[in-house]
Amino acid sequence: MVVRSLAILGTGIMGAPMARNLAKSGFRVSAWNRSVEKARRLETSGVEVVESAAAAAGSADAVVLMLSDGPTCDHVLFETGEHGGPVLDAMAPGSLVVVMSSIPVETARNQAARCADAGIGFIDAPVSGGENGAIEATLAIMAGGSVADFERMEPAFRTMGRPTRVGEAGAGQLAKLANQMIVGNTLATIAEALIFAEKGGADPASVRSALLGGFADSTLLQQHGLRMCEGNWEPGGFSRYQLKDLRTAMAFAKTRGLDLPVSAMVTALYEDTVAAGHGDKDQSAVFLELKDRNKT
């Protein structure tokens, strides 16, 4: 049966606009957030705000988690806390857990196994596109799970962006980690290139404009290159979350015996970016760390 009602757990930068788009498209949506006042802003969009995640889960065809990390998702799904009782225990047989957070591959696979034991479907479906993508419903959605579960959730996914099933449970997280490697590595390169241009005597904003439409053009150069030129660090995605994902990618690469020197160097660069106090700034704030290294 196609999903018609959803409980959204986590209404931060990404979860709130995702909930709005679902409600606007005619889905019945309830929302829970640890800070309930943050969720209240969704009521004017037709979203029911609840004080217990477990209560919301009991009446939903699908429970969508958009939380900070794997341990937080595990806590909400399987343990008792500020969200009420274990969400998994409250869900109806045959309903669906959809983890749209970025979490480790093995965490997603373990969650899928526990859901299967409880008679609950599971999809890991992390996203890319940042706050703008969530608001504009243009997110890239990378889904891991069975074909049947993906098809049940696909109409809801399409209200948030462009979904692609990439394999079984855990495959969505693999795709997201690959995405984050590309994003992190590219942001560092854009930052270096703009600093290089400035130190050589060119206007970095003009250089960025000149590169648009050429082989170096990308969404990252368009959006985050502009942030770097303007000094706009208001987060569309936090630097500390970029670091979290890079760490996760490097840990998984180690289990496969992979040598990924570029990503390893960029991970270390983000370690320094966050250590310098830029963790709550946009992920493009890697520019600030590189700028600091190149003071003259």
Protein backbone atom coordinates (compact mmCIF):
# COMPACT_ATOMS: atom_id res chain seq x y z
CA MET A 1 0.00 0.00 0.00
CA VAL A 2 1.33 3.44 -0.95
CA VAL A 3 2.25 5.67 1.98
CA ARG A 4 -0.31 8.40 2.70
CA SER A 5 0.46 9.45 6.28
CA LEU A 6 3.88 10.26 7.68
CA ALA A 7 5.47 11.15 11.00
CA ILE A 8 8.49 13.41 10.59
CA LEU A 9 10.96 13.13 13.46
CA GLY A 10 13.36 16.07 13.44
CA THR A 11 12.29 19.47 12.11
CA GLY A 12 15.57 21.34 11.74
CA ILE A 13 17.06 22.98 8.66
CA MET A 14 16.08 20.03 6.45
CA GLY A 15 13.18 18.34 8.22
CA ALA A 16 10.93 21.39 8.46
CA PRO A 17 10.75 22.22 4.73
CA MET A 18 10.45 18.53 3.90
CA ALA A 19 7.41 18.29 6.20
CA ARG A 20 5.90 21.41 4.61
CA ASN A 21 6.27 20.02 1.10
CA LEU A 22 4.67 16.72 2.09
CA ALA A 23 1.71 18.48 3.69
CA LYS A 24 1.35 20.83 0.71
CA SER A 25 1.14 17.78 -1.55
CA GLY A 26 -1.79 16.34 0.37
CA PHE A 27 -0.10 13.85 2.68
CA ARG A 28 -1.23 13.66 6.30
CA VAL A 29 1.83 14.78 8.25
CA SER A 30 2.64 14.88 11.94
CA ALA A 31 5.94 16.18 13.29
CA TRP A 32 8.01 15.80 16.44
CA ASN A 33 11.12 17.66 17.47
CA ARG A 34 13.07 17.52 20.70
CA SER A 35 12.46 21.27 21.00
CA VAL A 36 8.71 21.37 20.39
CA GLU A 37 8.69 25.12 19.78
CA LYS A 38 10.87 24.59 16.71
CA ALA A 39 8.17 22.30 15.32
CA ARG A 40 5.28 24.67 16.10
CA ARG A 41 6.13 26.83 13.09
CA LEU A 42 4.86 23.98 10.90
CA GLU A 43 1.28 24.17 12.18
CA THR A 44 0.39 26.95 9.74
CA SER A 45 1.38 24.58 6.92
CA GLY A 46 -1.12 21.93 7.98
CA VAL A 47 1.33 19.78 9.91
CA GLU A 48 0.16 18.34 13.23
CA VAL A 49 2.78 18.92 15.91
CA VAL A 50 2.99 16.22 18.57
CA GLU A 51 4.91 16.04 21.83
CA SER A 52 5.71 12.33 21.59
CA ALA A 53 7.47 10.73 18.65
CA ALA A 54 6.17 7.34 19.70
CA ALA A 55 2.56 8.57 19.62
CA ALA A 56 3.00 10.03 16.13
CA ALA A 57 4.53 6.79 14.90
CA GLY A 58 1.55 4.69 15.92
CA SER A 59 -0.79 6.27 13.37
CA ALA A 60 1.64 6.75 10.47
CA ASP A 61 2.18 4.63 7.38
CA ALA A 62 5.81 5.76 7.43
CA VAL A 63 8.07 7.28 10.07
CA VAL A 64 10.75 9.56 8.60
CA LEU A 65 13.84 10.27 10.70
CA MET A 66 15.79 13.43 9.91
CA LEU A 67 18.03 13.48 12.97
CA SER A 68 21.65 14.41 13.55
CA ASP A 69 23.44 11.04 13.44
CA GLY A 70 23.28 7.26 13.77
CA PRO A 71 23.29 7.03 17.59
CA THR A 72 20.43 9.53 17.78
CA CYS A 73 18.41 7.54 15.25
CA ASP A 74 19.08 4.33 17.21
CA HIS A 75 18.05 6.03 20.45
CA VAL A 76 14.75 7.25 19.04
CA LEU A 77 13.95 3.98 17.27
CA PHE A 78 14.91 1.51 19.96
CA GLU A 79 15.09 3.23 23.36
CA THR A 80 12.96 5.27 25.75
CA GLY A 81 13.75 8.96 26.15
CA GLU A 82 12.44 12.47 25.65
CA HIS A 83 10.68 11.22 22.51
CA GLY A 84 8.55 8.76 24.52
CA GLY A 85 8.95 5.00 24.27
CA PRO A 86 10.84 3.21 21.49
CA VAL A 87 9.35 4.37 18.21
CA LEU A 88 9.72 0.94 16.63
CA ASP A 89 7.56 -0.61 19.36
CA ALA A 90 4.78 1.90 18.67
CA MET A 91 4.62 1.32 14.92
CA ALA A 92 1.92 -0.74 13.25
CA PRO A 93 2.96 -3.99 11.54
CA GLY A 94 3.64 -3.38 7.86
CA SER A 95 4.47 0.29 8.29
CA LEU A 96 7.78 1.75 7.17
CA VAL A 97 10.85 3.32 8.80
CA VAL A 98 12.59 5.81 6.49
CA VAL A 99 15.92 7.08 7.78
CA MET A 100 16.81 10.20 5.81
CA SER A 101 19.65 11.14 8.16
CA SER A 102 23.25 10.53 7.13
CA ILE A 103 24.43 7.55 9.22
CA PRO A 104 27.04 4.79 8.91
CA VAL A 105 26.33 1.99 6.43
CA GLU A 106 26.44 -0.72 9.09
CA THR A 107 24.10 1.28 11.34
CA ALA A 108 21.54 1.37 8.52
CA ARG A 109 21.90 -2.36 7.89
CA ASN A 110 21.47 -3.13 11.60
CA GLN A 111 18.39 -0.92 11.75
CA ALA A 112 16.96 -2.71 8.72
CA ALA A 113 17.47 -6.10 10.37
CA ARG A 114 15.77 -5.00 13.60
CA CYS A 115 12.87 -3.52 11.67
CA ALA A 116 12.47 -6.75 9.68
CA ASP A 117 12.32 -8.74 12.92
CA ALA A 118 9.48 -6.46 14.04
CA GLY A 119 7.57 -6.79 10.77
CA ILE A 120 8.40 -3.22 9.75
CA GLY A 121 9.80 -2.13 6.38
CA PHE A 122 12.98 -0.07 6.14
CA ILE A 123 14.55 2.39 3.72
CA ASP A 124 17.71 4.41 4.26
CA ALA A 125 17.30 7.50 2.11
CA PRO A 126 19.83 10.25 2.84
CA VAL A 127 19.61 13.40 0.77
CA SER A 128 21.80 15.98 -0.92
CA GLY A 129 20.92 19.52 -1.89
CA GLY A 130 21.07 21.36 1.42
CA GLU A 131 18.47 23.73 2.79
CA ASN A 132 17.67 25.22 -0.62
CA GLY A 133 17.02 21.76 -2.04
CA ALA A 134 14.74 20.93 0.87
CA ILE A 135 12.78 24.17 0.47
CA GLU A 136 12.50 23.90 -3.30
CA ALA A 137 11.78 20.13 -3.25
CA THR A 138 14.77 19.39 -5.48
CA LEU A 139 16.71 17.10 -3.15
CA ALA A 140 18.69 14.19 -4.55
CA ILE A 141 17.31 11.23 -2.56
CA MET A 142 19.49 8.10 -2.48
CA ALA A 143 17.42 5.15 -1.30
CA GLY A 144 18.46 1.72 -0.07
CA GLY A 145 15.82 -0.94 0.56
CA SER A 146 13.55 -3.42 -1.18
CA VAL A 147 11.88 -2.54 -4.46
CA ALA A 148 8.46 -2.95 -2.84
CA ASP A 149 9.22 -0.59 0.04
CA PHE A 150 10.74 1.97 -2.32
CA GLU A 151 7.66 1.90 -4.53
CA ARG A 152 5.42 2.43 -1.49
CA MET A 153 7.40 5.51 -0.50
CA GLU A 154 8.20 6.86 -3.96
CA PRO A 155 5.19 9.25 -4.28
CA ALA A 156 6.12 10.85 -0.95
CA PHE A 157 9.77 11.04 -1.96
CA ARG A 158 8.78 12.85 -5.16
CA THR A 159 7.24 15.69 -3.15
CA MET A 160 10.71 16.29 -1.68
CA GLY A 161 12.93 15.79 -4.71
CA ARG A 162 14.31 13.20 -7.10
CA PRO A 163 14.47 9.69 -5.59
CA THR A 164 16.69 6.91 -6.93
CA ARG A 165 16.84 3.39 -5.52
CA VAL A 166 20.54 2.45 -5.46
CA GLY A 167 20.33 -1.01 -3.86
CA GLU A 168 19.39 -2.83 -0.71
CA ALA A 169 19.46 -1.40 2.83
CA GLY A 170 22.67 0.52 3.47
CA ALA A 171 23.23 1.37 -0.19
CA GLY A 172 21.62 4.76 0.28
CA GLN A 173 24.24 5.62 2.90
CA LEU A 174 27.03 4.44 0.62
CA ALA A 175 25.75 6.78 -2.09
CA LYS A 176 25.51 9.66 0.38
CA LEU A 177 29.06 9.08 1.60
CA ALA A 178 30.27 9.12 -2.00
CA ASN A 179 28.36 12.38 -2.43
CA GLN A 180 29.95 13.88 0.67
CA MET A 181 33.42 12.92 -0.49
CA ILE A 182 32.79 14.76 -3.76
CA VAL A 183 31.27 17.75 -1.94
CA GLY A 184 34.02 18.07 0.67
CA ASN A 185 36.86 17.57 -1.80
CA THR A 186 35.35 20.01 -4.29
CA LEU A 187 34.65 22.71 -1.70
CA ALA A 188 38.27 22.53 -0.58
CA THR A 189 39.45 22.86 -4.19
CA ILE A 190 37.13 25.81 -4.87
CA ALA A 191 38.40 27.51 -1.72
CA GLU A 192 42.01 26.98 -2.76
CA ALA A 193 41.33 28.26 -6.28
CA LEU A 194 39.65 31.46 -5.06
CA ILE A 195 42.44 32.13 -2.56
CA PHE A 196 44.98 31.41 -5.32
CA ALA A 197 43.26 33.94 -7.59
CA GLU A 198 43.09 36.60 -4.89
CA LYS A 199 46.73 36.21 -3.84
CA GLY A 200 47.75 36.45 -7.48
CA GLY A 201 46.05 39.81 -7.85
CA ALA A 202 42.69 38.90 -9.42
CA ASP A 203 39.24 39.59 -8.00
CA PRO A 204 37.99 36.19 -6.75
CA ALA A 205 34.33 37.05 -7.35
CA SER A 206 35.09 37.94 -10.95
CA VAL A 207 37.15 34.78 -11.40
CA ARG A 208 34.22 32.73 -10.10
CA SER A 209 31.90 34.47 -12.59
CA ALA A 210 34.34 33.84 -15.41
CA LEU A 211 34.44 30.12 -14.65
CA LEU A 212 30.65 29.65 -14.76
CA GLY A 213 29.66 27.71 -17.85
CA GLY A 214 33.13 26.24 -18.34
CA PHE A 215 34.43 22.80 -17.38
CA ALA A 216 35.03 23.96 -13.79
CA ASP A 217 31.39 24.99 -13.32
CA SER A 218 29.22 23.14 -10.83
CA THR A 219 26.40 23.71 -8.39
CA LEU A 220 29.06 23.93 -5.70
CA LEU A 221 30.94 26.68 -7.54
CA GLN A 222 27.69 28.52 -8.20
CA GLN A 223 26.29 28.36 -4.67
CA HIS A 224 29.19 27.79 -2.31
CA GLY A 225 31.74 29.70 -4.35
CA LEU A 226 29.39 32.66 -4.02
CA ARG A 227 29.24 32.12 -0.26
CA MET A 228 33.03 32.19 -0.10
CA CYS A 229 33.17 35.42 -2.12
CA GLU A 230 30.49 37.09 0.00
CA GLY A 231 31.60 35.69 3.38
CA ASN A 232 28.16 34.17 3.96
CA TRP A 233 28.54 31.35 6.49
CA GLU A 234 24.85 31.00 7.44
CA PRO A 235 24.51 27.21 7.37
CA GLY A 236 22.66 25.40 4.65
CA GLY A 237 24.64 22.41 5.89
CA PHE A 238 26.93 22.53 8.92
CA SER A 239 30.69 22.07 8.65
CA ARG A 240 30.53 19.70 11.62
CA TYR A 241 28.09 17.48 9.72
CA GLN A 242 30.36 17.52 6.68
CA LEU A 243 33.18 16.36 8.96
CA LYS A 244 30.95 13.67 10.49
CA ASP A 245 30.20 12.26 7.04
CA LEU A 246 33.82 12.39 5.93
CA ARG A 247 34.89 10.57 9.07
CA THR A 248 32.24 7.93 8.41
CA ALA A 249 33.40 7.54 4.83
CA MET A 250 37.02 7.14 5.86
CA ALA A 251 36.10 4.59 8.53
CA PHE A 252 34.15 2.53 5.98
CA ALA A 253 36.98 2.83 3.44
CA LYS A 254 39.34 1.40 6.04
CA THR A 255 37.15 -1.69 6.45
CA ARG A 256 37.54 -2.29 2.71
CA GLY A 257 41.30 -1.71 2.68
CA LEU A 258 40.99 1.36 0.46
CA ASP A 259 43.61 4.09 0.09
CA LEU A 260 41.82 7.39 -0.61
CA PRO A 261 44.52 10.05 -0.14
CA VAL A 262 42.58 13.07 -1.41
CA SER A 263 39.58 12.40 0.82
CA ALA A 264 41.87 11.67 3.75
CA MET A 265 43.57 15.06 3.35
CA VAL A 266 40.25 16.87 3.07
CA THR A 267 38.93 15.09 6.16
CA ALA A 268 41.95 16.38 8.08
CA LEU A 269 41.26 19.85 6.70
CA TYR A 270 37.69 19.72 8.00
CA GLU A 271 39.00 18.48 11.35
CA ASP A 272 41.00 21.71 11.55
CA THR A 273 38.04 23.79 10.30
CA VAL A 274 35.80 22.53 13.09
CA ALA A 275 38.59 22.74 15.69
CA ALA A 276 39.04 26.41 14.74
CA GLY A 277 35.45 27.11 15.80
CA HIS A 278 33.70 26.94 12.42
CA GLY A 279 31.65 23.79 13.05
CA ASP A 280 28.31 25.63 13.19
CA LYS A 281 29.06 27.59 10.01
CA ASP A 282 28.18 26.42 6.52
CA GLN A 283 30.29 23.58 5.14
CA SER A 284 31.90 26.08 2.75
CA ALA A 285 33.65 27.56 5.81
CA VAL A 286 36.58 25.28 4.95
CA PHE A 287 37.53 28.46 3.05
CA LEU A 288 38.19 30.18 6.39
CA GLU A 289 40.65 27.50 7.47
CA LEU A 290 42.52 27.72 4.17
CA LYS A 291 42.43 31.51 4.28
CA ASP A 292 43.96 31.42 7.74
CA ARG A 293 46.73 29.09 6.55
CA ASN A 294 47.57 31.49 3.76
CA LYS A 295 47.81 34.73 5.70
CA THR A 296 50.70 36.95 4.59
